[in-house]
Amino acid sequence: MNSEKINWCLSQSSGINLMPPNINLSNSYIKEADETLENVFSSKGKWKTITAYYACYSALYSILMKCGIKCEIHDYTLELINLFSFTKEEIKFIKNLKDDRINAQYHLKNILLNDEKPVKEFIFKCKIILNDLNSQKIEEIRKLLMEKS
């Protein structure tokens, strides 16, 4: 984890904020991820890439909500992925997908998602992490962030 980036994120007013853990919001975000994933299969062109990113982002955000971590800036949220048991490949996948989404959405580049399988796998990994998160793990993560702020 890049402590310097996390520390900077924590110091920003709209960066990383701790709130009470919210299982209902967490469940809503993972449901949103599943619904958005369904749309990935019917989307075409750049919208497939854009939708794929938001499906993955919602799944990741569901983990943060379960831990009571609010973060409204995507770059900060993606930095927090390092608090959990994601592999380097999974981290690289979502960061690259974010870049692809930005290029497709804002720079109108023709970036196509050719394989939905990694999107499904990322969301599935988020569900595994969600299921493994107990109150002790959540407290450890929150304590780590509080120590940095």
C-alpha atoms as a PDB file:
ATOM      1  CA  MET A   1       0.000   0.000   0.000  1.00  0.00           C
ATOM      2  CA  ASN A   2       1.265   3.465  -0.845  1.00  0.00           C
ATOM      3  CA  SER A   3       1.103   5.113   2.594  1.00  0.00           C
ATOM      4  CA  GLU A   4       2.016   8.487   1.154  1.00  0.00           C
ATOM      5  CA  LYS A   5      -0.989   8.438  -1.197  1.00  0.00           C
ATOM      6  CA  ILE A   6      -3.322   7.185   1.541  1.00  0.00           C
ATOM      7  CA  ASN A   7      -2.096   9.907   3.931  1.00  0.00           C
ATOM      8  CA  TRP A   8      -2.680  12.553   1.277  1.00  0.00           C
ATOM      9  CA  CYS A   9      -6.152  11.159   0.539  1.00  0.00           C
ATOM     10  CA  LEU A  10      -7.010  11.229   4.232  1.00  0.00           C
ATOM     11  CA  SER A  11      -6.032  14.904   4.442  1.00  0.00           C
ATOM     12  CA  GLN A  12      -8.398  15.966   1.643  1.00  0.00           C
ATOM     13  CA  SER A  13     -11.848  17.225   2.645  1.00  0.00           C
ATOM     14  CA  SER A  14     -13.589  15.083   0.038  1.00  0.00           C
ATOM     15  CA  GLY A  15     -11.073  12.266   0.348  1.00  0.00           C
ATOM     16  CA  ILE A  16     -11.330   9.332   2.706  1.00  0.00           C
ATOM     17  CA  ASN A  17     -13.702   9.657   5.657  1.00  0.00           C
ATOM     18  CA  LEU A  18     -14.636   7.150   8.327  1.00  0.00           C
ATOM     19  CA  MET A  19     -18.298   6.698   9.154  1.00  0.00           C
ATOM     20  CA  PRO A  20     -20.164   3.937  10.929  1.00  0.00           C
ATOM     21  CA  PRO A  21     -20.010   0.674   8.963  1.00  0.00           C
ATOM     22  CA  ASN A  22     -23.181   0.329   6.894  1.00  0.00           C
ATOM     23  CA  ILE A  23     -24.175  -3.195   5.895  1.00  0.00           C
ATOM     24  CA  ASN A  24     -27.360  -1.980   4.175  1.00  0.00           C
ATOM     25  CA  LEU A  25     -25.422   0.378   1.928  1.00  0.00           C
ATOM     26  CA  SER A  26     -22.842  -2.329   1.344  1.00  0.00           C
ATOM     27  CA  ASN A  27     -25.590  -4.709   0.230  1.00  0.00           C
ATOM     28  CA  SER A  28     -27.048  -2.027  -2.037  1.00  0.00           C
ATOM     29  CA  TYR A  29     -23.688  -1.453  -3.726  1.00  0.00           C
ATOM     30  CA  ILE A  30     -23.060  -5.150  -4.353  1.00  0.00           C
ATOM     31  CA  LYS A  31     -26.581  -5.455  -5.755  1.00  0.00           C
ATOM     32  CA  GLU A  32     -25.819  -2.452  -7.972  1.00  0.00           C
ATOM     33  CA  ALA A  33     -22.632  -4.199  -9.116  1.00  0.00           C
ATOM     34  CA  ASP A  34     -24.592  -7.318 -10.091  1.00  0.00           C
ATOM     35  CA  GLU A  35     -27.226  -5.304 -11.954  1.00  0.00           C
ATOM     36  CA  THR A  36     -24.576  -3.262 -13.743  1.00  0.00           C
ATOM     37  CA  LEU A  37     -22.733  -6.457 -14.666  1.00  0.00           C
ATOM     38  CA  GLU A  38     -25.892  -7.684 -16.377  1.00  0.00           C
ATOM     39  CA  ASN A  39     -25.831  -4.495 -18.456  1.00  0.00           C
ATOM     40  CA  VAL A  40     -22.234  -5.155 -19.492  1.00  0.00           C
ATOM     41  CA  PHE A  41     -23.410  -8.139 -21.524  1.00  0.00           C
ATOM     42  CA  SER A  42     -25.997  -6.102 -23.435  1.00  0.00           C
ATOM     43  CA  SER A  43     -23.898  -2.948 -23.866  1.00  0.00           C
ATOM     44  CA  LYS A  44     -22.033  -2.211 -27.056  1.00  0.00           C
ATOM     45  CA  GLY A  45     -19.012  -0.175 -28.014  1.00  0.00           C
ATOM     46  CA  LYS A  46     -17.545   2.197 -25.455  1.00  0.00           C
ATOM     47  CA  TRP A  47     -20.518   1.668 -23.128  1.00  0.00           C
ATOM     48  CA  LYS A  48     -19.421  -1.897 -22.487  1.00  0.00           C
ATOM     49  CA  THR A  49     -16.117  -0.593 -21.091  1.00  0.00           C
ATOM     50  CA  ILE A  50     -17.772   2.204 -19.120  1.00  0.00           C
ATOM     51  CA  THR A  51     -20.395  -0.117 -17.651  1.00  0.00           C
ATOM     52  CA  ALA A  52     -17.773  -2.757 -16.804  1.00  0.00           C
ATOM     53  CA  TYR A  53     -15.782  -0.229 -14.805  1.00  0.00           C
ATOM     54  CA  TYR A  54     -18.804   0.924 -12.826  1.00  0.00           C
ATOM     55  CA  ALA A  55     -19.800  -2.674 -12.075  1.00  0.00           C
ATOM     56  CA  CYS A  56     -16.349  -3.312 -10.606  1.00  0.00           C
ATOM     57  CA  TYR A  57     -16.251   0.039  -8.815  1.00  0.00           C
ATOM     58  CA  SER A  58     -19.634  -0.602  -7.155  1.00  0.00           C
ATOM     59  CA  ALA A  59     -18.437  -4.017  -5.979  1.00  0.00           C
ATOM     60  CA  LEU A  60     -15.301  -2.483  -4.478  1.00  0.00           C
ATOM     61  CA  TYR A  61     -17.302   0.329  -2.899  1.00  0.00           C
ATOM     62  CA  SER A  62     -19.559  -2.241  -1.232  1.00  0.00           C
ATOM     63  CA  ILE A  63     -16.494  -3.458   0.676  1.00  0.00           C
ATOM     64  CA  LEU A  64     -15.696   0.081   1.781  1.00  0.00           C
ATOM     65  CA  MET A  65     -19.264   0.661   2.948  1.00  0.00           C
ATOM     66  CA  LYS A  66     -19.165  -2.510   5.028  1.00  0.00           C
ATOM     67  CA  CYS A  67     -16.028  -1.105   6.677  1.00  0.00           C
ATOM     68  CA  GLY A  68     -17.498   2.372   7.098  1.00  0.00           C
ATOM     69  CA  ILE A  69     -15.076   4.033   4.690  1.00  0.00           C
ATOM     70  CA  LYS A  70     -16.506   6.797   2.539  1.00  0.00           C
ATOM     71  CA  CYS A  71     -14.519   7.975  -0.437  1.00  0.00           C
ATOM     72  CA  GLU A  72     -16.041   9.909  -3.318  1.00  0.00           C
ATOM     73  CA  ILE A  73     -12.961  10.277  -5.501  1.00  0.00           C
ATOM     74  CA  HIS A  74     -12.274   7.217  -7.638  1.00  0.00           C
ATOM     75  CA  ASP A  75      -8.474   7.490  -7.499  1.00  0.00           C
ATOM     76  CA  TYR A  76      -8.596   7.460  -3.701  1.00  0.00           C
ATOM     77  CA  THR A  77     -11.028   4.555  -3.680  1.00  0.00           C
ATOM     78  CA  LEU A  78      -8.734   2.579  -5.941  1.00  0.00           C
ATOM     79  CA  GLU A  79      -5.814   3.282  -3.630  1.00  0.00           C
ATOM     80  CA  LEU A  80      -7.796   1.760  -0.750  1.00  0.00           C
ATOM     81  CA  ILE A  81      -7.980  -1.544  -2.639  1.00  0.00           C
ATOM     82  CA  ASN A  82      -4.562  -2.268  -1.124  1.00  0.00           C
ATOM     83  CA  LEU A  83      -6.171  -2.672   2.313  1.00  0.00           C
ATOM     84  CA  PHE A  84      -7.763  -5.908   1.157  1.00  0.00           C
ATOM     85  CA  SER A  85      -6.603  -9.243  -0.244  1.00  0.00           C
ATOM     86  CA  PHE A  86      -6.572  -8.323  -3.919  1.00  0.00           C
ATOM     87  CA  THR A  87      -3.704  -9.577  -6.054  1.00  0.00           C
ATOM     88  CA  LYS A  88      -1.422  -7.248  -7.987  1.00  0.00           C
ATOM     89  CA  GLU A  89      -3.128  -8.446 -11.160  1.00  0.00           C
ATOM     90  CA  GLU A  90      -6.605  -7.605  -9.808  1.00  0.00           C
ATOM     91  CA  ILE A  91      -5.442  -4.162  -8.720  1.00  0.00           C
ATOM     92  CA  LYS A  92      -3.848  -3.571 -12.113  1.00  0.00           C
ATOM     93  CA  PHE A  93      -7.047  -4.783 -13.805  1.00  0.00           C
ATOM     94  CA  ILE A  94      -9.366  -2.255 -12.118  1.00  0.00           C
ATOM     95  CA  LYS A  95      -6.897   0.611 -12.477  1.00  0.00           C
ATOM     96  CA  ASN A  96      -6.482  -0.139 -16.189  1.00  0.00           C
ATOM     97  CA  LEU A  97     -10.248  -0.478 -16.546  1.00  0.00           C
ATOM     98  CA  LYS A  98     -10.641   2.965 -14.948  1.00  0.00           C
ATOM     99  CA  ASP A  99      -8.158   4.424 -17.432  1.00  0.00           C
ATOM    100  CA  ASP A 100      -9.997   2.714 -20.300  1.00  0.00           C
ATOM    101  CA  ARG A 101     -13.290   4.105 -19.010  1.00  0.00           C
ATOM    102  CA  ILE A 102     -11.890   7.643 -18.858  1.00  0.00           C
ATOM    103  CA  ASN A 103     -10.414   7.349 -22.355  1.00  0.00           C
ATOM    104  CA  ALA A 104     -13.654   5.975 -23.777  1.00  0.00           C
ATOM    105  CA  GLN A 105     -15.981   8.318 -21.904  1.00  0.00           C
ATOM    106  CA  TYR A 106     -14.118  11.626 -21.903  1.00  0.00           C
ATOM    107  CA  HIS A 107     -11.581  11.368 -24.714  1.00  0.00           C
ATOM    108  CA  LEU A 108     -13.925   9.468 -27.045  1.00  0.00           C
ATOM    109  CA  LYS A 109     -11.321   6.846 -27.816  1.00  0.00           C
ATOM    110  CA  ASN A 110     -12.562   3.610 -29.286  1.00  0.00           C
ATOM    111  CA  ILE A 111     -11.639   1.311 -26.401  1.00  0.00           C
ATOM    112  CA  LEU A 112     -13.601  -1.898 -26.448  1.00  0.00           C
ATOM    113  CA  LEU A 113     -13.999  -4.507 -23.757  1.00  0.00           C
ATOM    114  CA  ASN A 114     -13.500  -7.820 -25.499  1.00  0.00           C
ATOM    115  CA  ASP A 115     -13.819 -10.141 -22.515  1.00  0.00           C
ATOM    116  CA  GLU A 116     -16.340  -9.849 -19.682  1.00  0.00           C
ATOM    117  CA  LYS A 117     -14.785 -12.709 -17.712  1.00  0.00           C
ATOM    118  CA  PRO A 118     -12.279 -10.559 -15.743  1.00  0.00           C
ATOM    119  CA  VAL A 119     -15.157  -8.236 -14.761  1.00  0.00           C
ATOM    120  CA  LYS A 120     -17.164 -11.172 -13.414  1.00  0.00           C
ATOM    121  CA  GLU A 121     -14.077 -12.487 -11.614  1.00  0.00           C
ATOM    122  CA  PHE A 122     -13.365  -9.111  -9.991  1.00  0.00           C
ATOM    123  CA  ILE A 123     -16.925  -8.817  -8.698  1.00  0.00           C
ATOM    124  CA  PHE A 124     -16.791 -12.393  -7.436  1.00  0.00           C
ATOM    125  CA  LYS A 125     -13.535 -11.595  -5.585  1.00  0.00           C
ATOM    126  CA  CYS A 126     -15.252  -8.600  -3.970  1.00  0.00           C
ATOM    127  CA  LYS A 127     -18.026 -10.910  -2.774  1.00  0.00           C
ATOM    128  CA  ILE A 128     -15.469 -13.275  -1.242  1.00  0.00           C
ATOM    129  CA  ILE A 129     -13.818 -10.372   0.590  1.00  0.00           C
ATOM    130  CA  LEU A 130     -17.239  -9.123   1.745  1.00  0.00           C
ATOM    131  CA  ASN A 131     -18.099 -12.537   3.145  1.00  0.00           C
ATOM    132  CA  ASP A 132     -14.745 -12.790   4.934  1.00  0.00           C
ATOM    133  CA  LEU A 133     -15.022  -9.347   6.539  1.00  0.00           C
ATOM    134  CA  ASN A 134     -15.912  -9.727  10.180  1.00  0.00           C
ATOM    135  CA  SER A 135     -16.041  -7.068  12.875  1.00  0.00           C
ATOM    136  CA  GLN A 136     -12.452  -7.766  13.941  1.00  0.00           C
ATOM    137  CA  LYS A 137     -11.063  -7.309  10.401  1.00  0.00           C
ATOM    138  CA  ILE A 138     -13.158  -4.179   9.932  1.00  0.00           C
ATOM    139  CA  GLU A 139     -11.795  -2.696  13.166  1.00  0.00           C
ATOM    140  CA  GLU A 140      -8.212  -3.490  12.116  1.00  0.00           C
ATOM    141  CA  ILE A 141      -8.714  -1.709   8.790  1.00  0.00           C
ATOM    142  CA  ARG A 142     -10.376   1.290  10.440  1.00  0.00           C
ATOM    143  CA  LYS A 143      -7.635   1.494  13.076  1.00  0.00           C
ATOM    144  CA  LEU A 144      -4.992   1.451  10.367  1.00  0.00           C
ATOM    145  CA  LEU A 145      -6.680   4.376   8.607  1.00  0.00           C
ATOM    146  CA  MET A 146      -7.197   6.306  11.862  1.00  0.00           C
ATOM    147  CA  GLU A 147      -3.498   5.946  12.671  1.00  0.00           C
ATOM    148  CA  LYS A 148      -2.648   7.508   9.330  1.00  0.00           C
ATOM    149  CA  SER A 149      -5.003  10.476   9.685  1.00  0.00           C
END
